[in-house]
Amino acid sequence: GFTHSYGLETYITKGIVKDSKSAKEYAKSMLEYSFFYNDAAFFH
């Protein structure tokens, strides 16, 4: 699992995720708007 960033590396390369604040916002958004509807839903 540690070999995958699931697109995060692109966000960082483009300067979108660049500090602790943006990292938290990204993590929150991923859980709430992506993971919930996808992998967590597939789990369920």
ModelCIF file with pLDDT and N, C-alpha, C, O atoms, coordinates in Angstrom:
data_MODEL
#
_entry.id   MODEL 
#
_entity.id                         1 
_entity.type                       polymer 
_entity.pdbx_number_of_molecules   1 
#
_entity_poly.entity_id                      1 
_entity_poly.type                           'polypeptide(L)' 
_entity_poly.nstd_linkage                   no 
_entity_poly.nstd_monomer                   no 
_entity_poly.pdbx_seq_one_letter_code       GFTHSYGLETYITKGIVKDSKSAKEYAKSMLEYSFFYNDAAFFH 
_entity_poly.pdbx_seq_one_letter_code_can   GFTHSYGLETYITKGIVKDSKSAKEYAKSMLEYSFFYNDAAFFH 
_entity_poly.pdbx_strand_id                 A 
#
loop_
_entity_poly_seq.entity_id 
_entity_poly_seq.num 
_entity_poly_seq.mon_id 
_entity_poly_seq.hetero 
1 1  GLY n 
1 2  PHE n 
1 3  THR n 
1 4  HIS n 
1 5  SER n 
1 6  TYR n 
1 7  GLY n 
1 8  LEU n 
1 9  GLU n 
1 10 THR n 
1 11 TYR n 
1 12 ILE n 
1 13 THR n 
1 14 LYS n 
1 15 GLY n 
1 16 ILE n 
1 17 VAL n 
1 18 LYS n 
1 19 ASP n 
1 20 SER n 
1 21 LYS n 
1 22 SER n 
1 23 ALA n 
1 24 LYS n 
1 25 GLU n 
1 26 TYR n 
1 27 ALA n 
1 28 LYS n 
1 29 SER n 
1 30 MET n 
1 31 LEU n 
1 32 GLU n 
1 33 TYR n 
1 34 SER n 
1 35 PHE n 
1 36 PHE n 
1 37 TYR n 
1 38 ASN n 
1 39 ASP n 
1 40 ALA n 
1 41 ALA n 
1 42 PHE n 
1 43 PHE n 
1 44 HIS n 
#
_struct_asym.id          A 
_struct_asym.entity_id   1 
#
loop_
_ma_qa_metric.id 
_ma_qa_metric.mode 
_ma_qa_metric.name 
_ma_qa_metric.software_group_id 
_ma_qa_metric.type 
1 global pLDDT . pLDDT 
2 local  pLDDT . pLDDT 
#
_ma_qa_metric_global.metric_id      1 
_ma_qa_metric_global.metric_value   94.89 
_ma_qa_metric_global.model_id       1 
_ma_qa_metric_global.ordinal_id     1 
#
loop_
_ma_qa_metric_local.label_asym_id 
_ma_qa_metric_local.label_comp_id 
_ma_qa_metric_local.label_seq_id 
_ma_qa_metric_local.metric_id 
_ma_qa_metric_local.metric_value 
_ma_qa_metric_local.model_id 
_ma_qa_metric_local.ordinal_id 
A GLY 1  2 85.00 1 1  
A PHE 2  2 82.00 1 2  
A THR 3  2 87.00 1 3  
A HIS 4  2 89.00 1 4  
A SER 5  2 93.00 1 5  
A TYR 6  2 91.00 1 6  
A GLY 7  2 91.00 1 7  
A LEU 8  2 94.00 1 8  
A GLU 9  2 93.00 1 9  
A THR 10 2 95.00 1 10 
A TYR 11 2 94.00 1 11 
A ILE 12 2 93.00 1 12 
A THR 13 2 93.00 1 13 
A LYS 14 2 92.00 1 14 
A GLY 15 2 94.00 1 15 
A ILE 16 2 95.00 1 16 
A VAL 17 2 96.00 1 17 
A LYS 18 2 96.00 1 18 
A ASP 19 2 97.00 1 19 
A SER 20 2 96.00 1 20 
A LYS 21 2 97.00 1 21 
A SER 22 2 97.00 1 22 
A ALA 23 2 97.00 1 23 
A LYS 24 2 97.00 1 24 
A GLU 25 2 97.00 1 25 
A TYR 26 2 96.00 1 26 
A ALA 27 2 97.00 1 27 
A LYS 28 2 97.00 1 28 
A SER 29 2 96.00 1 29 
A MET 30 2 96.00 1 30 
A LEU 31 2 97.00 1 31 
A GLU 32 2 97.00 1 32 
A TYR 33 2 95.00 1 33 
A SER 34 2 95.00 1 34 
A PHE 35 2 97.00 1 35 
A PHE 36 2 98.00 1 36 
A TYR 37 2 98.00 1 37 
A ASN 38 2 97.00 1 38 
A ASP 39 2 98.00 1 39 
A ALA 40 2 98.00 1 40 
A ALA 41 2 98.00 1 41 
A PHE 42 2 98.00 1 42 
A PHE 43 2 98.00 1 43 
A HIS 44 2 98.00 1 44 
#
loop_
_atom_site.group_PDB 
_atom_site.id 
_atom_site.type_symbol 
_atom_site.label_atom_id 
_atom_site.label_alt_id 
_atom_site.label_comp_id 
_atom_site.label_asym_id 
_atom_site.label_entity_id 
_atom_site.label_seq_id 
_atom_site.pdbx_PDB_ins_code 
_atom_site.Cartn_x 
_atom_site.Cartn_y 
_atom_site.Cartn_z 
_atom_site.occupancy 
_atom_site.B_iso_or_equiv 
_atom_site.pdbx_formal_charge 
_atom_site.auth_seq_id 
_atom_site.auth_comp_id 
_atom_site.auth_asym_id 
_atom_site.auth_atom_id 
_atom_site.pdbx_PDB_model_num 
ATOM 1   N N  . GLY A 1 1  ? 0.801   -1.218 0.000  1.00 85.00 ? 1  GLY A N  1 
ATOM 2   C CA . GLY A 1 1  ? 0.000   0.000  0.000  1.00 85.00 ? 1  GLY A CA 1 
ATOM 3   C C  . GLY A 1 1  ? 0.838   1.275  0.000  1.00 85.00 ? 1  GLY A C  1 
ATOM 4   O O  . GLY A 1 1  ? 0.410   2.304  -0.523 1.00 85.00 ? 1  GLY A O  1 
ATOM 5   N N  . PHE A 1 2  ? 2.033   1.207  0.587  1.00 82.00 ? 2  PHE A N  1 
ATOM 6   C CA . PHE A 1 2  ? 2.885   2.394  0.702  1.00 82.00 ? 2  PHE A CA 1 
ATOM 7   C C  . PHE A 1 2  ? 3.435   2.865  -0.650 1.00 82.00 ? 2  PHE A C  1 
ATOM 8   O O  . PHE A 1 2  ? 4.004   3.953  -0.735 1.00 82.00 ? 2  PHE A O  1 
ATOM 9   N N  . THR A 1 3  ? 3.273   2.066  -1.696 1.00 87.00 ? 3  THR A N  1 
ATOM 10  C CA . THR A 1 3  ? 3.802   2.433  -3.015 1.00 87.00 ? 3  THR A CA 1 
ATOM 11  C C  . THR A 1 3  ? 2.795   3.234  -3.847 1.00 87.00 ? 3  THR A C  1 
ATOM 12  O O  . THR A 1 3  ? 3.083   3.600  -4.986 1.00 87.00 ? 3  THR A O  1 
ATOM 13  N N  . HIS A 1 4  ? 1.628   3.502  -3.284 1.00 89.00 ? 4  HIS A N  1 
ATOM 14  C CA . HIS A 1 4  ? 0.572   4.200  -4.028 1.00 89.00 ? 4  HIS A CA 1 
ATOM 15  C C  . HIS A 1 4  ? 0.162   5.493  -3.319 1.00 89.00 ? 4  HIS A C  1 
ATOM 16  O O  . HIS A 1 4  ? 0.045   5.533  -2.094 1.00 89.00 ? 4  HIS A O  1 
ATOM 17  N N  . SER A 1 5  ? -0.054  6.546  -4.108 1.00 93.00 ? 5  SER A N  1 
ATOM 18  C CA . SER A 1 5  ? -0.515  7.820  -3.527 1.00 93.00 ? 5  SER A CA 1 
ATOM 19  C C  . SER A 1 5  ? -1.919  8.176  -4.015 1.00 93.00 ? 5  SER A C  1 
ATOM 20  O O  . SER A 1 5  ? -2.524  9.126  -3.519 1.00 93.00 ? 5  SER A O  1 
ATOM 21  N N  . TYR A 1 6  ? -2.441  7.418  -4.987 1.00 91.00 ? 6  TYR A N  1 
ATOM 22  C CA . TYR A 1 6  ? -3.793  7.629  -5.520 1.00 91.00 ? 6  TYR A CA 1 
ATOM 23  C C  . TYR A 1 6  ? -4.018  9.068  -5.992 1.00 91.00 ? 6  TYR A C  1 
ATOM 24  O O  . TYR A 1 6  ? -5.037  9.690  -5.690 1.00 91.00 ? 6  TYR A O  1 
ATOM 25  N N  . GLY A 1 7  ? -3.038  9.573  -6.738 1.00 91.00 ? 7  GLY A N  1 
ATOM 26  C CA . GLY A 1 7  ? -3.159  10.913 -7.309 1.00 91.00 ? 7  GLY A CA 1 
ATOM 27  C C  . GLY A 1 7  ? -2.604  12.027 -6.447 1.00 91.00 ? 7  GLY A C  1 
ATOM 28  O O  . GLY A 1 7  ? -2.433  13.147 -6.927 1.00 91.00 ? 7  GLY A O  1 
ATOM 29  N N  . LEU A 1 8  ? -2.315  11.744 -5.167 1.00 94.00 ? 8  LEU A N  1 
ATOM 30  C CA . LEU A 1 8  ? -1.821  12.784 -4.265 1.00 94.00 ? 8  LEU A CA 1 
ATOM 31  C C  . LEU A 1 8  ? -0.500  13.366 -4.763 1.00 94.00 ? 8  LEU A C  1 
ATOM 32  O O  . LEU A 1 8  ? -0.256  14.564 -4.621 1.00 94.00 ? 8  LEU A O  1 
ATOM 33  N N  . GLU A 1 9  ? 0.351   12.525 -5.343 1.00 93.00 ? 9  GLU A N  1 
ATOM 34  C CA . GLU A 1 9  ? 1.645   13.014 -5.823 1.00 93.00 ? 9  GLU A CA 1 
ATOM 35  C C  . GLU A 1 9  ? 1.456   14.111 -6.877 1.00 93.00 ? 9  GLU A C  1 
ATOM 36  O O  . GLU A 1 9  ? 2.253   15.047 -6.942 1.00 93.00 ? 9  GLU A O  1 
ATOM 37  N N  . THR A 1 10 ? 0.420   14.003 -7.692 1.00 95.00 ? 10 THR A N  1 
ATOM 38  C CA . THR A 1 10 ? 0.134   15.035 -8.686 1.00 95.00 ? 10 THR A CA 1 
ATOM 39  C C  . THR A 1 10 ? -0.313  16.324 -8.007 1.00 95.00 ? 10 THR A C  1 
ATOM 40  O O  . THR A 1 10 ? 0.136   17.409 -8.378 1.00 95.00 ? 10 THR A O  1 
ATOM 41  N N  . TYR A 1 11 ? -1.200  16.212 -7.011 1.00 94.00 ? 11 TYR A N  1 
ATOM 42  C CA . TYR A 1 11 ? -1.658  17.396 -6.284 1.00 94.00 ? 11 TYR A CA 1 
ATOM 43  C C  . TYR A 1 11 ? -0.479  18.152 -5.675 1.00 94.00 ? 11 TYR A C  1 
ATOM 44  O O  . TYR A 1 11 ? -0.445  19.383 -5.689 1.00 94.00 ? 11 TYR A O  1 
ATOM 45  N N  . ILE A 1 12 ? 0.487   17.400 -5.141 1.00 93.00 ? 12 ILE A N  1 
ATOM 46  C CA . ILE A 1 12 ? 1.648   18.023 -4.503 1.00 93.00 ? 12 ILE A CA 1 
ATOM 47  C C  . ILE A 1 12 ? 2.577   18.631 -5.550 1.00 93.00 ? 12 ILE A C  1 
ATOM 48  O O  . ILE A 1 12 ? 3.086   19.737 -5.367 1.00 93.00 ? 12 ILE A O  1 
ATOM 49  N N  . THR A 1 13 ? 2.795   17.911 -6.643 1.00 93.00 ? 13 THR A N  1 
ATOM 50  C CA . THR A 1 13 ? 3.647   18.416 -7.725 1.00 93.00 ? 13 THR A CA 1 
ATOM 51  C C  . THR A 1 13 ? 3.107   19.731 -8.275 1.00 93.00 ? 13 THR A C  1 
ATOM 52  O O  . THR A 1 13 ? 3.881   20.626 -8.614 1.00 93.00 ? 13 THR A O  1 
ATOM 53  N N  . LYS A 1 14 ? 1.778   19.854 -8.368 1.00 92.00 ? 14 LYS A N  1 
ATOM 54  C CA . LYS A 1 14 ? 1.153   21.066 -8.901 1.00 92.00 ? 14 LYS A CA 1 
ATOM 55  C C  . LYS A 1 14 ? 0.991   22.166 -7.843 1.00 92.00 ? 14 LYS A C  1 
ATOM 56  O O  . LYS A 1 14 ? 0.479   23.245 -8.141 1.00 92.00 ? 14 LYS A O  1 
ATOM 57  N N  . GLY A 1 15 ? 1.429   21.890 -6.608 1.00 94.00 ? 15 GLY A N  1 
ATOM 58  C CA . GLY A 1 15 ? 1.371   22.906 -5.565 1.00 94.00 ? 15 GLY A CA 1 
ATOM 59  C C  . GLY A 1 15 ? -0.004  23.109 -4.964 1.00 94.00 ? 15 GLY A C  1 
ATOM 60  O O  . GLY A 1 15 ? -0.234  24.107 -4.280 1.00 94.00 ? 15 GLY A O  1 
ATOM 61  N N  . ILE A 1 16 ? -0.924  22.186 -5.201 1.00 95.00 ? 16 ILE A N  1 
ATOM 62  C CA . ILE A 1 16 ? -2.279  22.297 -4.650 1.00 95.00 ? 16 ILE A CA 1 
ATOM 63  C C  . ILE A 1 16 ? -2.284  21.873 -3.184 1.00 95.00 ? 16 ILE A C  1 
ATOM 64  O O  . ILE A 1 16 ? -2.884  22.538 -2.339 1.00 95.00 ? 16 ILE A O  1 
ATOM 65  N N  . VAL A 1 17 ? -1.619  20.774 -2.893 1.00 96.00 ? 17 VAL A N  1 
ATOM 66  C CA . VAL A 1 17 ? -1.384  20.353 -1.507 1.00 96.00 ? 17 VAL A CA 1 
ATOM 67  C C  . VAL A 1 17 ? 0.049   20.752 -1.195 1.00 96.00 ? 17 VAL A C  1 
ATOM 68  O O  . VAL A 1 17 ? 0.989   20.203 -1.770 1.00 96.00 ? 17 VAL A O  1 
ATOM 69  N N  . LYS A 1 18 ? 0.219   21.709 -0.286 1.00 96.00 ? 18 LYS A N  1 
ATOM 70  C CA . LYS A 1 18 ? 1.553   22.287 -0.087 1.00 96.00 ? 18 LYS A CA 1 
ATOM 71  C C  . LYS A 1 18 ? 1.939   22.529 1.369  1.00 96.00 ? 18 LYS A C  1 
ATOM 72  O O  . LYS A 1 18 ? 3.082   22.889 1.652  1.00 96.00 ? 18 LYS A O  1 
ATOM 73  N N  . ASP A 1 19 ? 1.002   22.337 2.292  1.00 97.00 ? 19 ASP A N  1 
ATOM 74  C CA . ASP A 1 19 ? 1.302   22.538 3.705  1.00 97.00 ? 19 ASP A CA 1 
ATOM 75  C C  . ASP A 1 19 ? 0.312   21.733 4.543  1.00 97.00 ? 19 ASP A C  1 
ATOM 76  O O  . ASP A 1 19 ? -0.520  21.006 4.001  1.00 97.00 ? 19 ASP A O  1 
ATOM 77  N N  . SER A 1 20 ? 0.403   21.865 5.856  1.00 96.00 ? 20 SER A N  1 
ATOM 78  C CA . SER A 1 20 ? -0.453  21.082 6.748  1.00 96.00 ? 20 SER A CA 1 
ATOM 79  C C  . SER A 1 20 ? -1.934  21.394 6.555  1.00 96.00 ? 20 SER A C  1 
ATOM 80  O O  . SER A 1 20 ? -2.781  20.501 6.598  1.00 96.00 ? 20 SER A O  1 
ATOM 81  N N  . LYS A 1 21 ? -2.233  22.679 6.342  1.00 97.00 ? 21 LYS A N  1 
ATOM 82  C CA . LYS A 1 21 ? -3.632  23.077 6.166  1.00 97.00 ? 21 LYS A CA 1 
ATOM 83  C C  . LYS A 1 21 ? -4.236  22.447 4.912  1.00 97.00 ? 21 LYS A C  1 
ATOM 84  O O  . LYS A 1 21 ? -5.320  21.866 4.962  1.00 97.00 ? 21 LYS A O  1 
ATOM 85  N N  . SER A 1 22 ? -3.532  22.565 3.795  1.00 97.00 ? 22 SER A N  1 
ATOM 86  C CA . SER A 1 22 ? -4.049  21.994 2.545  1.00 97.00 ? 22 SER A CA 1 
ATOM 87  C C  . SER A 1 22 ? -4.036  20.461 2.586  1.00 97.00 ? 22 SER A C  1 
ATOM 88  O O  . SER A 1 22 ? -4.870  19.818 1.949  1.00 97.00 ? 22 SER A O  1 
ATOM 89  N N  . ALA A 1 23 ? -3.099  19.881 3.327  1.00 97.00 ? 23 ALA A N  1 
ATOM 90  C CA . ALA A 1 23 ? -3.061  18.423 3.476  1.00 97.00 ? 23 ALA A CA 1 
ATOM 91  C C  . ALA A 1 23 ? -4.298  17.932 4.218  1.00 97.00 ? 23 ALA A C  1 
ATOM 92  O O  . ALA A 1 23 ? -4.894  16.922 3.845  1.00 97.00 ? 23 ALA A O  1 
ATOM 93  N N  . LYS A 1 24 ? -4.680  18.651 5.269  1.00 97.00 ? 24 LYS A N  1 
ATOM 94  C CA . LYS A 1 24 ? -5.878  18.272 6.025  1.00 97.00 ? 24 LYS A CA 1 
ATOM 95  C C  . LYS A 1 24 ? -7.131  18.432 5.159  1.00 97.00 ? 24 LYS A C  1 
ATOM 96  O O  . LYS A 1 24 ? -8.013  17.574 5.182  1.00 97.00 ? 24 LYS A O  1 
ATOM 97  N N  . GLU A 1 25 ? -7.211  19.517 4.404  1.00 97.00 ? 25 GLU A N  1 
ATOM 98  C CA . GLU A 1 25 ? -8.368  19.752 3.530  1.00 97.00 ? 25 GLU A CA 1 
ATOM 99  C C  . GLU A 1 25 ? -8.472  18.654 2.476  1.00 97.00 ? 25 GLU A C  1 
ATOM 100 O O  . GLU A 1 25 ? -9.558  18.163 2.171  1.00 97.00 ? 25 GLU A O  1 
ATOM 101 N N  . TYR A 1 26 ? -7.321  18.282 1.930  1.00 96.00 ? 26 TYR A N  1 
ATOM 102 C CA . TYR A 1 26 ? -7.305  17.212 0.927  1.00 96.00 ? 26 TYR A CA 1 
ATOM 103 C C  . TYR A 1 26 ? -7.765  15.892 1.541  1.00 96.00 ? 26 TYR A C  1 
ATOM 104 O O  . TYR A 1 26 ? -8.597  15.193 0.963  1.00 96.00 ? 26 TYR A O  1 
ATOM 105 N N  . ALA A 1 27 ? -7.230  15.553 2.705  1.00 97.00 ? 27 ALA A N  1 
ATOM 106 C CA . ALA A 1 27 ? -7.588  14.301 3.371  1.00 97.00 ? 27 ALA A CA 1 
ATOM 107 C C  . ALA A 1 27 ? -9.083  14.260 3.685  1.00 97.00 ? 27 ALA A C  1 
ATOM 108 O O  . ALA A 1 27 ? -9.744  13.246 3.461  1.00 97.00 ? 27 ALA A O  1 
ATOM 109 N N  . LYS A 1 28 ? -9.608  15.370 4.206  1.00 97.00 ? 28 LYS A N  1 
ATOM 110 C CA . LYS A 1 28 ? -11.033 15.449 4.544  1.00 97.00 ? 28 LYS A CA 1 
ATOM 111 C C  . LYS A 1 28 ? -11.894 15.268 3.298  1.00 97.00 ? 28 LYS A C  1 
ATOM 112 O O  . LYS A 1 28 ? -12.874 14.524 3.315  1.00 97.00 ? 28 LYS A O  1 
ATOM 113 N N  . SER A 1 29 ? -11.525 15.950 2.221  1.00 96.00 ? 29 SER A N  1 
ATOM 114 C CA . SER A 1 29 ? -12.283 15.851 0.975  1.00 96.00 ? 29 SER A CA 1 
ATOM 115 C C  . SER A 1 29 ? -12.252 14.441 0.396  1.00 96.00 ? 29 SER A C  1 
ATOM 116 O O  . SER A 1 29 ? -13.260 13.943 -0.105 1.00 96.00 ? 29 SER A O  1 
ATOM 117 N N  . MET A 1 30 ? -11.095 13.808 0.470  1.00 96.00 ? 30 MET A N  1 
ATOM 118 C CA . MET A 1 30 ? -10.959 12.454 -0.062 1.00 96.00 ? 30 MET A CA 1 
ATOM 119 C C  . MET A 1 30 ? -11.874 11.480 0.675  1.00 96.00 ? 30 MET A C  1 
ATOM 120 O O  . MET A 1 30 ? -12.529 10.648 0.047  1.00 96.00 ? 30 MET A O  1 
ATOM 121 N N  . LEU A 1 31 ? -11.923 11.578 1.992  1.00 97.00 ? 31 LEU A N  1 
ATOM 122 C CA . LEU A 1 31 ? -12.786 10.687 2.766  1.00 97.00 ? 31 LEU A CA 1 
ATOM 123 C C  . LEU A 1 31 ? -14.262 10.954 2.480  1.00 97.00 ? 31 LEU A C  1 
ATOM 124 O O  . LEU A 1 31 ? -15.051 10.032 2.270  1.00 97.00 ? 31 LEU A O  1 
ATOM 125 N N  . GLU A 1 32 ? -14.611 12.233 2.478  1.00 97.00 ? 32 GLU A N  1 
ATOM 126 C CA . GLU A 1 32 ? -16.012 12.642 2.410  1.00 97.00 ? 32 GLU A CA 1 
ATOM 127 C C  . GLU A 1 32 ? -16.611 12.552 1.011  1.00 97.00 ? 32 GLU A C  1 
ATOM 128 O O  . GLU A 1 32 ? -17.783 12.206 0.861  1.00 97.00 ? 32 GLU A O  1 
ATOM 129 N N  . TYR A 1 33 ? -15.819 12.859 -0.011 1.00 95.00 ? 33 TYR A N  1 
ATOM 130 C CA . TYR A 1 33 ? -16.376 12.962 -1.358 1.00 95.00 ? 33 TYR A CA 1 
ATOM 131 C C  . TYR A 1 33 ? -15.893 11.901 -2.345 1.00 95.00 ? 33 TYR A C  1 
ATOM 132 O O  . TYR A 1 33 ? -16.425 11.786 -3.449 1.00 95.00 ? 33 TYR A O  1 
ATOM 133 N N  . SER A 1 34 ? -14.897 11.137 -1.949 1.00 95.00 ? 34 SER A N  1 
ATOM 134 C CA . SER A 1 34 ? -14.410 10.078 -2.832 1.00 95.00 ? 34 SER A CA 1 
ATOM 135 C C  . SER A 1 34 ? -14.539 8.704  -2.169 1.00 95.00 ? 34 SER A C  1 
ATOM 136 O O  . SER A 1 34 ? -15.252 7.836  -2.673 1.00 95.00 ? 34 SER A O  1 
ATOM 137 N N  . PHE A 1 35 ? -13.862 8.509  -1.059 1.00 97.00 ? 35 PHE A N  1 
ATOM 138 C CA . PHE A 1 35 ? -13.823 7.200  -0.409 1.00 97.00 ? 35 PHE A CA 1 
ATOM 139 C C  . PHE A 1 35 ? -15.211 6.730  0.015  1.00 97.00 ? 35 PHE A C  1 
ATOM 140 O O  . PHE A 1 35 ? -15.541 5.553  -0.135 1.00 97.00 ? 35 PHE A O  1 
ATOM 141 N N  . PHE A 1 36 ? -16.016 7.635  0.540  1.00 98.00 ? 36 PHE A N  1 
ATOM 142 C CA . PHE A 1 36 ? -17.361 7.294  1.002  1.00 98.00 ? 36 PHE A CA 1 
ATOM 143 C C  . PHE A 1 36 ? -18.210 6.700  -0.110 1.00 98.00 ? 36 PHE A C  1 
ATOM 144 O O  . PHE A 1 36 ? -18.952 5.744  0.113  1.00 98.00 ? 36 PHE A O  1 
ATOM 145 N N  . TYR A 1 37 ? -18.103 7.265  -1.306 1.00 98.00 ? 37 TYR A N  1 
ATOM 146 C CA . TYR A 1 37 ? -18.921 6.819  -2.431 1.00 98.00 ? 37 TYR A CA 1 
ATOM 147 C C  . TYR A 1 37 ? -18.292 5.672  -3.219 1.00 98.00 ? 37 TYR A C  1 
ATOM 148 O O  . TYR A 1 37 ? -18.955 5.026  -4.031 1.00 98.00 ? 37 TYR A O  1 
ATOM 149 N N  . ASN A 1 38 ? -17.014 5.430  -2.972 1.00 97.00 ? 38 ASN A N  1 
ATOM 150 C CA . ASN A 1 38 ? -16.317 4.421  -3.760 1.00 97.00 ? 38 ASN A CA 1 
ATOM 151 C C  . ASN A 1 38 ? -15.835 3.251  -2.891 1.00 97.00 ? 38 ASN A C  1 
ATOM 152 O O  . ASN A 1 38 ? -16.633 2.365  -2.583 1.00 97.00 ? 38 ASN A O  1 
ATOM 153 N N  . ASP A 1 39 ? -14.581 3.220  -2.493 1.00 98.00 ? 39 ASP A N  1 
ATOM 154 C CA . ASP A 1 39 ? -14.069 2.024  -1.823 1.00 98.00 ? 39 ASP A CA 1 
ATOM 155 C C  . ASP A 1 39 ? -14.840 1.642  -0.559 1.00 98.00 ? 39 ASP A C  1 
ATOM 156 O O  . ASP A 1 39 ? -15.056 0.457  -0.305 1.00 98.00 ? 39 ASP A O  1 
ATOM 157 N N  . ALA A 1 40 ? -15.253 2.625  0.231  1.00 98.00 ? 40 ALA A N  1 
ATOM 158 C CA . ALA A 1 40 ? -16.032 2.302  1.435  1.00 98.00 ? 40 ALA A CA 1 
ATOM 159 C C  . ALA A 1 40 ? -17.396 1.733  1.050  1.00 98.00 ? 40 ALA A C  1 
ATOM 160 O O  . ALA A 1 40 ? -17.903 0.824  1.707  1.00 98.00 ? 40 ALA A O  1 
ATOM 161 N N  . ALA A 1 41 ? -17.981 2.267  -0.007 1.00 98.00 ? 41 ALA A N  1 
ATOM 162 C CA . ALA A 1 41 ? -19.265 1.754  -0.498 1.00 98.00 ? 41 ALA A CA 1 
ATOM 163 C C  . ALA A 1 41 ? -19.096 0.346  -1.070 1.00 98.00 ? 41 ALA A C  1 
ATOM 164 O O  . ALA A 1 41 ? -19.970 -0.504 -0.902 1.00 98.00 ? 41 ALA A O  1 
ATOM 165 N N  . PHE A 1 42 ? -17.964 0.101  -1.750 1.00 98.00 ? 42 PHE A N  1 
ATOM 166 C CA . PHE A 1 42 ? -17.698 -1.230 -2.295 1.00 98.00 ? 42 PHE A CA 1 
ATOM 167 C C  . PHE A 1 42 ? -17.492 -2.231 -1.158 1.00 98.00 ? 42 PHE A C  1 
ATOM 168 O O  . PHE A 1 42 ? -17.919 -3.382 -1.243 1.00 98.00 ? 42 PHE A O  1 
ATOM 169 N N  . PHE A 1 43 ? -16.833 -1.772 -0.096 1.00 98.00 ? 43 PHE A N  1 
ATOM 170 C CA . PHE A 1 43 ? -16.667 -2.588 1.112  1.00 98.00 ? 43 PHE A CA 1 
ATOM 171 C C  . PHE A 1 43 ? -18.042 -2.979 1.654  1.00 98.00 ? 43 PHE A C  1 
ATOM 172 O O  . PHE A 1 43 ? -18.295 -4.149 1.941  1.00 98.00 ? 43 PHE A O  1 
ATOM 173 N N  . HIS A 1 44 ? -18.919 -1.998 1.789  1.00 98.00 ? 44 HIS A N  1 
ATOM 174 C CA . HIS A 1 44 ? -20.251 -2.249 2.349  1.00 98.00 ? 44 HIS A CA 1 
ATOM 175 C C  . HIS A 1 44 ? -21.046 -3.231 1.492  1.00 98.00 ? 44 HIS A C  1 
ATOM 176 O O  . HIS A 1 44 ? -22.188 -3.552 1.820  1.00 98.00 ? 44 HIS A O  1 
#
